[in-house]
Amino acid sequence: MKKKIIGLAIILSMLTALLSVGVNAAPTLLWDFGEGTDIEDNMGGKSAANVLTYEAESFYHIFTAQGNDPYVSVDYSMDDVSQVFWVKARVLNKSYATAIELFGATNGRGLAGPECTHIDILPNHDEWQTVIVNIPESNINTVNNYKAVDPITETYWEGTLDWIRLDPMWSEGDDGSDSGGSMVDGEQIYIDYIAFFSSEADAIAYVGTQEQAELDAAAAAAAAEAPEVAEPADEAPAETPVDVTPAAPQTSDVASLAFASLVIALGTGYIVSKKK
């Protein structure tokens, strides 16, 4: 019985854990880098790579700067950018860059500065990092803080989207300005994915293919290292003490005992009297 109770408790615990985790939302637009993703078929058509090389590895692309202001276009279009207000990026940033730049060619505009959005990242980092950004808010902050254009109060991230210029590495110039990216030869960043969503909740819930594989591997390793907990042995039923005290004779037994005693005492001389 105890085994059944323990098994039920484990099942309920697993169901509770599953229900507490959000559903892995599908991105509205996904830039999935790495071998076999075919993303390179949609890169460089609108704007050829500038002082930048990129190559696919197992689940990511390595972007290497070949000079100042490295970039390449990623040529996906959308009818309504309200479906891609949030962006989530997973990167391993080996460079001193502090941001990834996205220049959105929206509503038929060219790229002159007000279209820029920063995804802030940690520089010279040895671990994969995941960052979520609200694009309209970041667009206004980026332009007003770093671009040598008139301040804006309304985001340029509106209307239709023709394509996006990806500047995978950006660092602030010595004078505090953009200065074209301020990167030097050989600096590198690895990008697993850049995914776009209509809501923050969907962005938070999304887990990439490689991320899921790493989470599964970590969970399996943790389970393998966890000490085994011995199942408590079934308790033996308590023994009922034996009462060795002779039971008091019942009324019918008293008469029988008295009669037997009389027989023993009288021996063969016992005679049953009969009424004549």
C-alpha atoms as a PDB file:
ATOM      1  CA  MET A   1       0.000   0.000   0.000  1.00  0.00           C
ATOM      2  CA  LYS A   2       2.827   2.357   0.875  1.00  0.00           C
ATOM      3  CA  LYS A   3       4.460   1.771  -2.514  1.00  0.00           C
ATOM      4  CA  LYS A   4       1.249   2.805  -4.260  1.00  0.00           C
ATOM      5  CA  ILE A   5       1.022   5.970  -2.139  1.00  0.00           C
ATOM      6  CA  ILE A   6       4.665   6.879  -2.867  1.00  0.00           C
ATOM      7  CA  GLY A   7       4.166   6.280  -6.612  1.00  0.00           C
ATOM      8  CA  LEU A   8       1.059   8.476  -6.643  1.00  0.00           C
ATOM      9  CA  ALA A   9       2.936  11.236  -4.836  1.00  0.00           C
ATOM     10  CA  ILE A  10       5.718  11.144  -7.467  1.00  0.00           C
ATOM     11  CA  ILE A  11       3.207  11.332 -10.334  1.00  0.00           C
ATOM     12  CA  LEU A  12       1.391  14.280  -8.734  1.00  0.00           C
ATOM     13  CA  SER A  13       4.713  16.044  -8.186  1.00  0.00           C
ATOM     14  CA  MET A  14       5.659  15.584 -11.868  1.00  0.00           C
ATOM     15  CA  LEU A  15       2.279  16.869 -13.040  1.00  0.00           C
ATOM     16  CA  THR A  16       2.613  19.931 -10.807  1.00  0.00           C
ATOM     17  CA  ALA A  17       6.057  20.647 -12.255  1.00  0.00           C
ATOM     18  CA  LEU A  18       4.789  20.298 -15.817  1.00  0.00           C
ATOM     19  CA  LEU A  19       1.844  22.595 -15.202  1.00  0.00           C
ATOM     20  CA  SER A  20       4.113  25.234 -13.654  1.00  0.00           C
ATOM     21  CA  VAL A  21       6.193  25.487 -16.865  1.00  0.00           C
ATOM     22  CA  GLY A  22       4.845  27.638 -19.686  1.00  0.00           C
ATOM     23  CA  VAL A  23       4.209  26.246 -23.132  1.00  0.00           C
ATOM     24  CA  ASN A  24       7.151  26.736 -25.495  1.00  0.00           C
ATOM     25  CA  ALA A  25       5.715  29.489 -27.694  1.00  0.00           C
ATOM     26  CA  ALA A  26       6.642  29.482 -31.373  1.00  0.00           C
ATOM     27  CA  PRO A  27       8.338  32.696 -32.573  1.00  0.00           C
ATOM     28  CA  THR A  28       6.567  34.878 -35.120  1.00  0.00           C
ATOM     29  CA  LEU A  29       9.924  35.150 -36.900  1.00  0.00           C
ATOM     30  CA  LEU A  30      12.950  32.965 -36.180  1.00  0.00           C
ATOM     31  CA  TRP A  31      16.544  33.435 -37.276  1.00  0.00           C
ATOM     32  CA  ASP A  32      17.855  29.959 -36.532  1.00  0.00           C
ATOM     33  CA  PHE A  33      21.608  29.838 -37.080  1.00  0.00           C
ATOM     34  CA  GLY A  34      23.808  26.787 -37.487  1.00  0.00           C
ATOM     35  CA  GLU A  35      24.323  23.966 -39.948  1.00  0.00           C
ATOM     36  CA  GLY A  36      21.345  22.779 -41.936  1.00  0.00           C
ATOM     37  CA  THR A  37      19.057  25.704 -41.092  1.00  0.00           C
ATOM     38  CA  ASP A  38      19.306  27.316 -44.559  1.00  0.00           C
ATOM     39  CA  ILE A  39      19.373  30.781 -43.002  1.00  0.00           C
ATOM     40  CA  GLU A  40      22.240  31.777 -45.271  1.00  0.00           C
ATOM     41  CA  ASP A  41      19.794  31.586 -48.172  1.00  0.00           C
ATOM     42  CA  ASN A  42      18.218  34.700 -46.639  1.00  0.00           C
ATOM     43  CA  MET A  43      21.403  36.596 -45.771  1.00  0.00           C
ATOM     44  CA  GLY A  44      23.239  39.248 -47.733  1.00  0.00           C
ATOM     45  CA  GLY A  45      20.729  39.776 -50.508  1.00  0.00           C
ATOM     46  CA  LYS A  46      19.535  43.235 -49.469  1.00  0.00           C
ATOM     47  CA  SER A  47      22.908  44.390 -48.194  1.00  0.00           C
ATOM     48  CA  ALA A  48      26.141  42.490 -48.747  1.00  0.00           C
ATOM     49  CA  ALA A  49      28.294  41.693 -45.730  1.00  0.00           C
ATOM     50  CA  ASN A  50      30.539  44.575 -44.690  1.00  0.00           C
ATOM     51  CA  VAL A  51      33.950  43.781 -43.100  1.00  0.00           C
ATOM     52  CA  LEU A  52      32.439  40.595 -41.732  1.00  0.00           C
ATOM     53  CA  THR A  53      32.717  36.846 -42.300  1.00  0.00           C
ATOM     54  CA  TYR A  54      30.318  34.231 -40.998  1.00  0.00           C
ATOM     55  CA  GLU A  55      30.368  30.447 -40.962  1.00  0.00           C
ATOM     56  CA  ALA A  56      27.975  27.781 -39.719  1.00  0.00           C
ATOM     57  CA  GLU A  57      28.855  25.387 -36.923  1.00  0.00           C
ATOM     58  CA  SER A  58      26.644  22.699 -35.376  1.00  0.00           C
ATOM     59  CA  PHE A  59      23.927  24.935 -33.907  1.00  0.00           C
ATOM     60  CA  TYR A  60      25.334  28.456 -34.302  1.00  0.00           C
ATOM     61  CA  HIS A  61      27.104  30.815 -36.672  1.00  0.00           C
ATOM     62  CA  ILE A  62      30.456  32.380 -35.885  1.00  0.00           C
ATOM     63  CA  PHE A  63      30.599  36.051 -36.918  1.00  0.00           C
ATOM     64  CA  THR A  64      34.096  37.494 -37.228  1.00  0.00           C
ATOM     65  CA  ALA A  65      34.840  41.197 -37.646  1.00  0.00           C
ATOM     66  CA  GLN A  66      37.221  42.135 -40.451  1.00  0.00           C
ATOM     67  CA  GLY A  67      37.243  45.822 -39.581  1.00  0.00           C
ATOM     68  CA  ASN A  68      35.049  48.592 -38.209  1.00  0.00           C
ATOM     69  CA  ASP A  69      31.225  48.425 -38.478  1.00  0.00           C
ATOM     70  CA  PRO A  70      30.643  44.737 -39.435  1.00  0.00           C
ATOM     71  CA  TYR A  71      27.147  43.891 -40.690  1.00  0.00           C
ATOM     72  CA  VAL A  72      25.034  41.770 -43.042  1.00  0.00           C
ATOM     73  CA  SER A  73      21.369  41.868 -44.024  1.00  0.00           C
ATOM     74  CA  VAL A  74      18.868  39.208 -42.966  1.00  0.00           C
ATOM     75  CA  ASP A  75      16.196  39.305 -45.618  1.00  0.00           C
ATOM     76  CA  TYR A  76      12.849  38.390 -44.098  1.00  0.00           C
ATOM     77  CA  SER A  77       9.773  40.596 -44.581  1.00  0.00           C
ATOM     78  CA  MET A  78       6.583  41.070 -42.558  1.00  0.00           C
ATOM     79  CA  ASP A  79       3.314  42.887 -43.230  1.00  0.00           C
ATOM     80  CA  ASP A  80       2.958  44.173 -39.656  1.00  0.00           C
ATOM     81  CA  VAL A  81       5.838  44.604 -37.208  1.00  0.00           C
ATOM     82  CA  SER A  82       3.398  44.660 -34.271  1.00  0.00           C
ATOM     83  CA  GLN A  83       3.749  40.882 -34.501  1.00  0.00           C
ATOM     84  CA  VAL A  84       7.454  41.198 -33.702  1.00  0.00           C
ATOM     85  CA  PHE A  85       7.627  43.758 -30.872  1.00  0.00           C
ATOM     86  CA  TRP A  86       9.869  41.548 -28.715  1.00  0.00           C
ATOM     87  CA  VAL A  87      13.215  39.987 -29.617  1.00  0.00           C
ATOM     88  CA  LYS A  88      15.130  37.221 -27.834  1.00  0.00           C
ATOM     89  CA  ALA A  89      18.739  36.427 -28.664  1.00  0.00           C
ATOM     90  CA  ARG A  90      21.017  33.613 -27.478  1.00  0.00           C
ATOM     91  CA  VAL A  91      24.696  34.366 -27.987  1.00  0.00           C
ATOM     92  CA  LEU A  92      28.195  33.501 -26.831  1.00  0.00           C
ATOM     93  CA  ASN A  93      29.993  36.841 -27.006  1.00  0.00           C
ATOM     94  CA  LYS A  94      33.747  36.394 -27.122  1.00  0.00           C
ATOM     95  CA  SER A  95      34.251  39.996 -28.286  1.00  0.00           C
ATOM     96  CA  TYR A  96      34.336  43.273 -26.409  1.00  0.00           C
ATOM     97  CA  ALA A  97      31.067  44.295 -28.097  1.00  0.00           C
ATOM     98  CA  THR A  98      28.341  45.477 -25.730  1.00  0.00           C
ATOM     99  CA  ALA A  99      25.388  45.248 -28.107  1.00  0.00           C
ATOM    100  CA  ILE A 100      23.926  43.632 -31.198  1.00  0.00           C
ATOM    101  CA  GLU A 101      22.326  46.145 -33.565  1.00  0.00           C
ATOM    102  CA  LEU A 102      19.176  45.623 -35.619  1.00  0.00           C
ATOM    103  CA  PHE A 103      18.378  48.184 -38.330  1.00  0.00           C
ATOM    104  CA  GLY A 104      14.768  47.649 -39.408  1.00  0.00           C
ATOM    105  CA  ALA A 105      13.862  48.757 -42.920  1.00  0.00           C
ATOM    106  CA  THR A 106      10.241  49.585 -42.058  1.00  0.00           C
ATOM    107  CA  ASN A 107       7.538  51.297 -44.132  1.00  0.00           C
ATOM    108  CA  GLY A 108       9.833  51.525 -47.168  1.00  0.00           C
ATOM    109  CA  ARG A 109      12.436  53.661 -45.372  1.00  0.00           C
ATOM    110  CA  GLY A 110      16.159  53.509 -45.960  1.00  0.00           C
ATOM    111  CA  LEU A 111      18.688  53.043 -43.180  1.00  0.00           C
ATOM    112  CA  ALA A 112      19.912  56.350 -41.832  1.00  0.00           C
ATOM    113  CA  GLY A 113      20.126  55.816 -38.057  1.00  0.00           C
ATOM    114  CA  PRO A 114      16.628  56.198 -36.537  1.00  0.00           C
ATOM    115  CA  GLU A 115      15.870  52.572 -37.403  1.00  0.00           C
ATOM    116  CA  CYS A 116      18.515  51.168 -35.033  1.00  0.00           C
ATOM    117  CA  THR A 117      17.688  48.979 -32.033  1.00  0.00           C
ATOM    118  CA  HIS A 118      20.228  47.684 -29.526  1.00  0.00           C
ATOM    119  CA  ILE A 119      20.203  44.276 -27.876  1.00  0.00           C
ATOM    120  CA  ASP A 120      22.575  44.802 -24.944  1.00  0.00           C
ATOM    121  CA  ILE A 121      24.921  41.884 -24.213  1.00  0.00           C
ATOM    122  CA  LEU A 122      27.766  41.111 -21.806  1.00  0.00           C
ATOM    123  CA  PRO A 123      31.231  41.547 -23.383  1.00  0.00           C
ATOM    124  CA  ASN A 124      34.083  39.010 -23.228  1.00  0.00           C
ATOM    125  CA  HIS A 125      31.774  36.377 -21.796  1.00  0.00           C
ATOM    126  CA  ASP A 126      32.574  32.655 -21.628  1.00  0.00           C
ATOM    127  CA  GLU A 127      29.006  31.389 -21.323  1.00  0.00           C
ATOM    128  CA  TRP A 128      25.908  31.486 -23.504  1.00  0.00           C
ATOM    129  CA  GLN A 129      23.602  34.347 -22.573  1.00  0.00           C
ATOM    130  CA  THR A 130      19.967  34.934 -23.455  1.00  0.00           C
ATOM    131  CA  VAL A 131      18.588  38.480 -23.715  1.00  0.00           C
ATOM    132  CA  ILE A 132      15.011  39.718 -24.230  1.00  0.00           C
ATOM    133  CA  VAL A 133      14.341  43.254 -25.495  1.00  0.00           C
ATOM    134  CA  ASN A 134      11.245  45.321 -26.291  1.00  0.00           C
ATOM    135  CA  ILE A 135      12.099  46.620 -29.767  1.00  0.00           C
ATOM    136  CA  PRO A 136      10.058  49.877 -29.877  1.00  0.00           C
ATOM    137  CA  GLU A 137      11.406  50.989 -26.477  1.00  0.00           C
ATOM    138  CA  SER A 138      14.976  50.025 -27.287  1.00  0.00           C
ATOM    139  CA  ASN A 139      14.725  51.749 -30.666  1.00  0.00           C
ATOM    140  CA  ILE A 140      13.892  55.107 -29.042  1.00  0.00           C
ATOM    141  CA  ASN A 141      16.569  54.711 -26.346  1.00  0.00           C
ATOM    142  CA  THR A 142      19.240  53.640 -28.832  1.00  0.00           C
ATOM    143  CA  VAL A 143      18.621  56.482 -31.248  1.00  0.00           C
ATOM    144  CA  ASN A 144      18.463  59.151 -28.563  1.00  0.00           C
ATOM    145  CA  ASN A 145      21.605  57.917 -26.771  1.00  0.00           C
ATOM    146  CA  TYR A 146      23.909  56.851 -29.584  1.00  0.00           C
ATOM    147  CA  LYS A 147      22.842  58.026 -33.029  1.00  0.00           C
ATOM    148  CA  ALA A 148      23.844  61.437 -34.371  1.00  0.00           C
ATOM    149  CA  VAL A 149      20.326  62.288 -35.489  1.00  0.00           C
ATOM    150  CA  ASP A 150      17.495  64.358 -34.099  1.00  0.00           C
ATOM    151  CA  PRO A 151      15.925  62.829 -30.963  1.00  0.00           C
ATOM    152  CA  ILE A 152      12.791  60.772 -31.565  1.00  0.00           C
ATOM    153  CA  THR A 153       9.727  60.286 -29.379  1.00  0.00           C
ATOM    154  CA  GLU A 154       7.940  57.730 -31.559  1.00  0.00           C
ATOM    155  CA  THR A 155       9.470  54.435 -32.577  1.00  0.00           C
ATOM    156  CA  TYR A 156      10.489  53.767 -36.158  1.00  0.00           C
ATOM    157  CA  TRP A 157       9.556  50.141 -35.547  1.00  0.00           C
ATOM    158  CA  GLU A 158       6.077  50.359 -37.076  1.00  0.00           C
ATOM    159  CA  GLY A 159       4.275  49.489 -40.268  1.00  0.00           C
ATOM    160  CA  THR A 160       5.700  46.964 -42.705  1.00  0.00           C
ATOM    161  CA  LEU A 161       9.107  45.320 -42.491  1.00  0.00           C
ATOM    162  CA  ASP A 162      11.134  44.754 -45.645  1.00  0.00           C
ATOM    163  CA  TRP A 163      14.363  43.419 -44.132  1.00  0.00           C
ATOM    164  CA  ILE A 164      16.737  43.913 -41.190  1.00  0.00           C
ATOM    165  CA  ARG A 165      20.417  44.749 -41.181  1.00  0.00           C
ATOM    166  CA  LEU A 166      22.198  42.721 -38.527  1.00  0.00           C
ATOM    167  CA  ASP A 167      25.263  44.278 -36.913  1.00  0.00           C
ATOM    168  CA  PRO A 168      26.320  41.356 -34.695  1.00  0.00           C
ATOM    169  CA  MET A 169      28.941  43.363 -32.773  1.00  0.00           C
ATOM    170  CA  TRP A 170      28.800  46.984 -31.645  1.00  0.00           C
ATOM    171  CA  SER A 171      30.854  48.889 -29.135  1.00  0.00           C
ATOM    172  CA  GLU A 172      30.665  52.512 -28.111  1.00  0.00           C
ATOM    173  CA  GLY A 173      33.324  54.774 -29.577  1.00  0.00           C
ATOM    174  CA  ASP A 174      35.872  56.667 -27.534  1.00  0.00           C
ATOM    175  CA  ASP A 175      33.865  59.843 -27.996  1.00  0.00           C
ATOM    176  CA  GLY A 176      30.682  58.231 -26.664  1.00  0.00           C
ATOM    177  CA  SER A 177      29.095  57.948 -30.094  1.00  0.00           C
ATOM    178  CA  ASP A 178      28.305  54.967 -32.288  1.00  0.00           C
ATOM    179  CA  SER A 179      31.398  55.552 -34.451  1.00  0.00           C
ATOM    180  CA  GLY A 180      30.380  52.861 -36.899  1.00  0.00           C
ATOM    181  CA  GLY A 181      30.555  50.018 -34.380  1.00  0.00           C
ATOM    182  CA  SER A 182      34.126  50.455 -33.186  1.00  0.00           C
ATOM    183  CA  MET A 183      35.195  46.850 -33.762  1.00  0.00           C
ATOM    184  CA  VAL A 184      38.586  45.534 -34.890  1.00  0.00           C
ATOM    185  CA  ASP A 185      39.747  42.533 -36.905  1.00  0.00           C
ATOM    186  CA  GLY A 186      39.328  39.114 -35.352  1.00  0.00           C
ATOM    187  CA  GLU A 187      36.639  39.890 -32.766  1.00  0.00           C
ATOM    188  CA  GLN A 188      34.012  37.140 -32.682  1.00  0.00           C
ATOM    189  CA  ILE A 189      30.496  36.402 -31.523  1.00  0.00           C
ATOM    190  CA  TYR A 190      28.581  33.109 -31.764  1.00  0.00           C
ATOM    191  CA  ILE A 191      24.823  33.361 -32.363  1.00  0.00           C
ATOM    192  CA  ASP A 192      22.464  30.434 -31.747  1.00  0.00           C
ATOM    193  CA  TYR A 193      19.221  32.229 -32.625  1.00  0.00           C
ATOM    194  CA  ILE A 194      17.516  35.595 -32.780  1.00  0.00           C
ATOM    195  CA  ALA A 195      13.746  35.132 -32.382  1.00  0.00           C
ATOM    196  CA  PHE A 196      10.903  37.665 -32.609  1.00  0.00           C
ATOM    197  CA  PHE A 197       7.570  37.557 -30.761  1.00  0.00           C
ATOM    198  CA  SER A 198       4.336  39.500 -30.418  1.00  0.00           C
ATOM    199  CA  SER A 199       4.402  39.400 -26.592  1.00  0.00           C
ATOM    200  CA  GLU A 200       6.915  39.323 -23.764  1.00  0.00           C
ATOM    201  CA  ALA A 201       5.269  36.189 -22.339  1.00  0.00           C
ATOM    202  CA  ASP A 202       5.924  34.295 -25.564  1.00  0.00           C
ATOM    203  CA  ALA A 203       9.521  35.480 -25.616  1.00  0.00           C
ATOM    204  CA  ILE A 204      10.072  34.309 -22.044  1.00  0.00           C
ATOM    205  CA  ALA A 205       8.427  30.940 -22.706  1.00  0.00           C
ATOM    206  CA  TYR A 206      10.446  30.147 -25.824  1.00  0.00           C
ATOM    207  CA  VAL A 207      13.262  27.618 -25.506  1.00  0.00           C
ATOM    208  CA  GLY A 208      15.515  26.946 -28.496  1.00  0.00           C
ATOM    209  CA  THR A 209      16.399  23.463 -29.712  1.00  0.00           C
ATOM    210  CA  GLN A 210      19.929  23.541 -28.307  1.00  0.00           C
ATOM    211  CA  GLU A 211      18.752  25.102 -25.056  1.00  0.00           C
ATOM    212  CA  GLN A 212      16.245  22.288 -24.583  1.00  0.00           C
ATOM    213  CA  ALA A 213      18.916  19.685 -25.263  1.00  0.00           C
ATOM    214  CA  GLU A 214      21.189  21.298 -22.663  1.00  0.00           C
ATOM    215  CA  LEU A 215      18.367  21.473 -20.107  1.00  0.00           C
ATOM    216  CA  ASP A 216      17.538  17.802 -20.681  1.00  0.00           C
ATOM    217  CA  ALA A 217      21.191  16.823 -20.313  1.00  0.00           C
ATOM    218  CA  ALA A 218      21.538  18.837 -17.098  1.00  0.00           C
ATOM    219  CA  ALA A 219      18.385  17.262 -15.655  1.00  0.00           C
ATOM    220  CA  ALA A 220      19.625  13.767 -16.539  1.00  0.00           C
ATOM    221  CA  ALA A 221      23.022  14.469 -14.961  1.00  0.00           C
ATOM    222  CA  ALA A 222      21.394  15.816 -11.800  1.00  0.00           C
ATOM    223  CA  ALA A 223      19.160  12.760 -11.560  1.00  0.00           C
ATOM    224  CA  ALA A 224      22.137  10.436 -12.006  1.00  0.00           C
ATOM    225  CA  GLU A 225      24.111  12.191  -9.255  1.00  0.00           C
ATOM    226  CA  ALA A 226      21.217  12.403  -6.806  1.00  0.00           C
ATOM    227  CA  PRO A 227      21.646   9.995  -3.856  1.00  0.00           C
ATOM    228  CA  GLU A 228      19.239   7.100  -3.784  1.00  0.00           C
ATOM    229  CA  VAL A 229      16.659   7.351  -1.039  1.00  0.00           C
ATOM    230  CA  ALA A 230      15.856   3.978   0.469  1.00  0.00           C
ATOM    231  CA  GLU A 231      12.179   3.206   0.545  1.00  0.00           C
ATOM    232  CA  PRO A 232      11.040   2.787   4.167  1.00  0.00           C
ATOM    233  CA  ALA A 233      10.449  -0.858   5.045  1.00  0.00           C
ATOM    234  CA  ASP A 234       6.919  -1.915   5.854  1.00  0.00           C
ATOM    235  CA  GLU A 235       6.482  -1.938   9.629  1.00  0.00           C
ATOM    236  CA  ALA A 236       5.754  -5.339  11.149  1.00  0.00           C
ATOM    237  CA  PRO A 237       2.372  -5.482  12.895  1.00  0.00           C
ATOM    238  CA  ALA A 238       2.651  -4.985  16.611  1.00  0.00           C
ATOM    239  CA  GLU A 239       2.459  -8.243  18.527  1.00  0.00           C
ATOM    240  CA  THR A 240      -0.464  -8.672  20.860  1.00  0.00           C
ATOM    241  CA  PRO A 241       0.829  -9.651  24.322  1.00  0.00           C
ATOM    242  CA  VAL A 242      -0.307 -13.078  25.457  1.00  0.00           C
ATOM    243  CA  ASP A 243      -2.340 -13.035  28.651  1.00  0.00           C
ATOM    244  CA  VAL A 244      -1.162 -15.966  30.714  1.00  0.00           C
ATOM    245  CA  THR A 245      -3.573 -15.279  33.553  1.00  0.00           C
ATOM    246  CA  PRO A 246      -6.124 -18.132  33.759  1.00  0.00           C
ATOM    247  CA  ALA A 247      -9.553 -17.017  32.753  1.00  0.00           C
ATOM    248  CA  ALA A 248     -12.099 -16.924  35.541  1.00  0.00           C
ATOM    249  CA  PRO A 249     -14.410 -19.898  35.203  1.00  0.00           C
ATOM    250  CA  GLN A 250     -17.916 -19.213  34.010  1.00  0.00           C
ATOM    251  CA  THR A 251     -20.933 -20.272  36.120  1.00  0.00           C
ATOM    252  CA  SER A 252     -21.468 -23.506  34.196  1.00  0.00           C
ATOM    253  CA  ASP A 253     -17.778 -24.379  34.606  1.00  0.00           C
ATOM    254  CA  VAL A 254     -17.949 -23.944  38.404  1.00  0.00           C
ATOM    255  CA  ALA A 255     -20.649 -26.585  38.678  1.00  0.00           C
ATOM    256  CA  SER A 256     -18.745 -28.981  36.434  1.00  0.00           C
ATOM    257  CA  LEU A 257     -15.554 -28.549  38.438  1.00  0.00           C
ATOM    258  CA  ALA A 258     -17.343 -29.064  41.726  1.00  0.00           C
ATOM    259  CA  PHE A 259     -18.955 -32.216  40.424  1.00  0.00           C
ATOM    260  CA  ALA A 260     -15.642 -33.585  39.151  1.00  0.00           C
ATOM    261  CA  SER A 261     -13.970 -32.879  42.464  1.00  0.00           C
ATOM    262  CA  LEU A 262     -16.698 -34.732  44.291  1.00  0.00           C
ATOM    263  CA  VAL A 263     -16.269 -37.719  42.003  1.00  0.00           C
ATOM    264  CA  ILE A 264     -12.523 -37.770  42.652  1.00  0.00           C
ATOM    265  CA  ALA A 265     -13.054 -37.473  46.401  1.00  0.00           C
ATOM    266  CA  LEU A 266     -15.666 -40.223  46.649  1.00  0.00           C
ATOM    267  CA  GLY A 267     -13.909 -42.557  44.238  1.00  0.00           C
ATOM    268  CA  THR A 268     -15.851 -45.650  43.357  1.00  0.00           C
ATOM    269  CA  GLY A 269     -18.163 -45.166  46.355  1.00  0.00           C
ATOM    270  CA  TYR A 270     -20.039 -42.360  44.622  1.00  0.00           C
ATOM    271  CA  ILE A 271     -23.726 -43.368  44.225  1.00  0.00           C
ATOM    272  CA  VAL A 272     -26.344 -41.353  42.527  1.00  0.00           C
ATOM    273  CA  SER A 273     -29.402 -41.216  44.645  1.00  0.00           C
ATOM    274  CA  LYS A 274     -32.635 -41.997  42.946  1.00  0.00           C
ATOM    275  CA  LYS A 275     -36.009 -41.037  44.008  1.00  0.00           C
ATOM    276  CA  LYS A 276     -38.188 -44.069  44.749  1.00  0.00           C
END
